[in-house]
C-alpha atoms as a PDB file:
ATOM      1  CA  MET A   1    -100.040  86.516  28.345  1.00  0.00           C
ATOM      2  CA  TYR A   2    -103.028  84.636  26.996  1.00  0.00           C
ATOM      3  CA  PHE A   3    -102.599  82.576  23.846  1.00  0.00           C
ATOM      4  CA  THR A   4    -105.131  84.833  22.087  1.00  0.00           C
ATOM      5  CA  ASP A   5    -102.942  87.850  22.780  1.00  0.00           C
ATOM      6  CA  ARG A   6    -100.585  86.647  20.053  1.00  0.00           C
ATOM      7  CA  GLY A   7    -103.252  87.146  17.416  1.00  0.00           C
ATOM      8  CA  ILE A   8    -104.168  90.530  18.836  1.00  0.00           C
ATOM      9  CA  GLU A   9    -100.515  91.558  18.829  1.00  0.00           C
ATOM     10  CA  GLU A  10    -100.130  90.388  15.220  1.00  0.00           C
ATOM     11  CA  LEU A  11    -103.221  92.353  14.225  1.00  0.00           C
ATOM     12  CA  GLU A  12    -101.887  95.464  15.906  1.00  0.00           C
ATOM     13  CA  LYS A  13     -98.431  95.049  14.353  1.00  0.00           C
ATOM     14  CA  ARG A  14     -99.659  94.374  10.821  1.00  0.00           C
ATOM     15  CA  ARG A  15    -102.681  96.671  10.652  1.00  0.00           C
ATOM     16  CA  GLY A  16    -102.324  99.020  13.593  1.00  0.00           C
ATOM     17  CA  GLU A  17    -101.778 102.074  11.418  1.00  0.00           C
ATOM     18  CA  GLU A  18    -104.959 101.501   9.390  1.00  0.00           C
ATOM     19  CA  GLU A  19    -108.325 103.102  10.048  1.00  0.00           C
ATOM     20  CA  VAL A  20    -111.497 101.118   9.471  1.00  0.00           C
ATOM     21  CA  THR A  21    -115.199 101.711   9.903  1.00  0.00           C
ATOM     22  CA  PHE A  22    -117.496  99.614  12.042  1.00  0.00           C
ATOM     23  CA  GLU A  23    -119.363  98.812   8.838  1.00  0.00           C
ATOM     24  CA  TRP A  24    -116.176  97.244   7.438  1.00  0.00           C
ATOM     25  CA  LEU A  25    -115.523  95.399  10.704  1.00  0.00           C
ATOM     26  CA  ALA A  26    -119.081  94.042  10.787  1.00  0.00           C
ATOM     27  CA  GLU A  27    -118.709  92.737   7.237  1.00  0.00           C
ATOM     28  CA  GLN A  28    -115.413  91.033   8.104  1.00  0.00           C
ATOM     29  CA  LEU A  29    -117.023  89.409  11.163  1.00  0.00           C
ATOM     30  CA  ARG A  30    -119.926  88.149   9.019  1.00  0.00           C
ATOM     31  CA  THR A  31    -117.510  86.709   6.470  1.00  0.00           C
ATOM     32  CA  PHE A  32    -115.468  85.049   9.227  1.00  0.00           C
ATOM     33  CA  VAL A  33    -118.591  83.430  10.717  1.00  0.00           C
ATOM     34  CA  ASP A  34    -119.730  82.279   7.265  1.00  0.00           C
ATOM     35  CA  LEU A  35    -116.362  80.563   6.804  1.00  0.00           C
ATOM     36  CA  ASN A  36    -116.117  79.363  10.427  1.00  0.00           C
ATOM     37  CA  PRO A  37    -119.644  78.697  11.760  1.00  0.00           C
ATOM     38  CA  ASP A  38    -118.280  77.122  14.958  1.00  0.00           C
ATOM     39  CA  PHE A  39    -117.196  80.613  16.023  1.00  0.00           C
ATOM     40  CA  GLU A  40    -120.647  82.181  15.666  1.00  0.00           C
ATOM     41  CA  VAL A  41    -121.283  82.469  19.415  1.00  0.00           C
ATOM     42  CA  PRO A  42    -117.906  84.001  20.377  1.00  0.00           C
ATOM     43  CA  VAL A  43    -118.078  86.482  17.482  1.00  0.00           C
ATOM     44  CA  GLU A  44    -121.644  87.405  18.451  1.00  0.00           C
ATOM     45  CA  ARG A  45    -120.519  87.983  22.051  1.00  0.00           C
ATOM     46  CA  LEU A  46    -117.601  90.136  20.919  1.00  0.00           C
ATOM     47  CA  ALA A  47    -119.828  92.198  18.616  1.00  0.00           C
ATOM     48  CA  THR A  48    -122.421  92.692  21.366  1.00  0.00           C
ATOM     49  CA  TRP A  49    -119.718  93.666  23.864  1.00  0.00           C
ATOM     50  CA  LEU A  50    -118.260  96.210  21.426  1.00  0.00           C
ATOM     51  CA  ALA A  51    -121.712  97.601  20.632  1.00  0.00           C
ATOM     52  CA  ARG A  52    -122.521  98.114  24.320  1.00  0.00           C
ATOM     53  CA  LEU A  53    -119.235  99.590  25.574  1.00  0.00           C
ATOM     54  CA  ASP A  54    -120.817 103.015  26.083  1.00  0.00           C
ATOM     55  CA  ASP A  55    -123.637 101.466  28.131  1.00  0.00           C
ATOM     56  CA  GLU A  56    -121.187 100.830  30.989  1.00  0.00           C
ATOM     57  CA  ASP A  57    -120.371 104.561  31.136  1.00  0.00           C
ATOM     58  CA  GLU A  58    -124.083 105.420  31.240  1.00  0.00           C
ATOM     59  CA  ASP A  59    -124.678 102.970  34.106  1.00  0.00           C
ATOM     60  CA  GLU A  60    -121.940 104.645  36.161  1.00  0.00           C
ATOM     61  CA  ASP A  61    -123.592 108.066  35.713  1.00  0.00           C
ATOM     62  CA  GLU A  62    -126.870 106.924  37.263  1.00  0.00           C
END
C-alpha cells in the first residue's frame, strides 16, 4: 500500500456515499491549489488525467 492510499481510503470511508459534480470537484481543486500552491503541478496532472480518461478508450478503438 502506498502512503497516499491512506488519504484515498479516508476519503472513500468518510464521503464515499456522496455524489458530487465535476464542477464541484474542480472548484475544490482550485481552492486547494490556492491554499497550497506547491501542489499546483500534481493537481494539474491529476485534473488532466481525469479529463482525458475517455481518450484512452478511443485510442484502443483505432
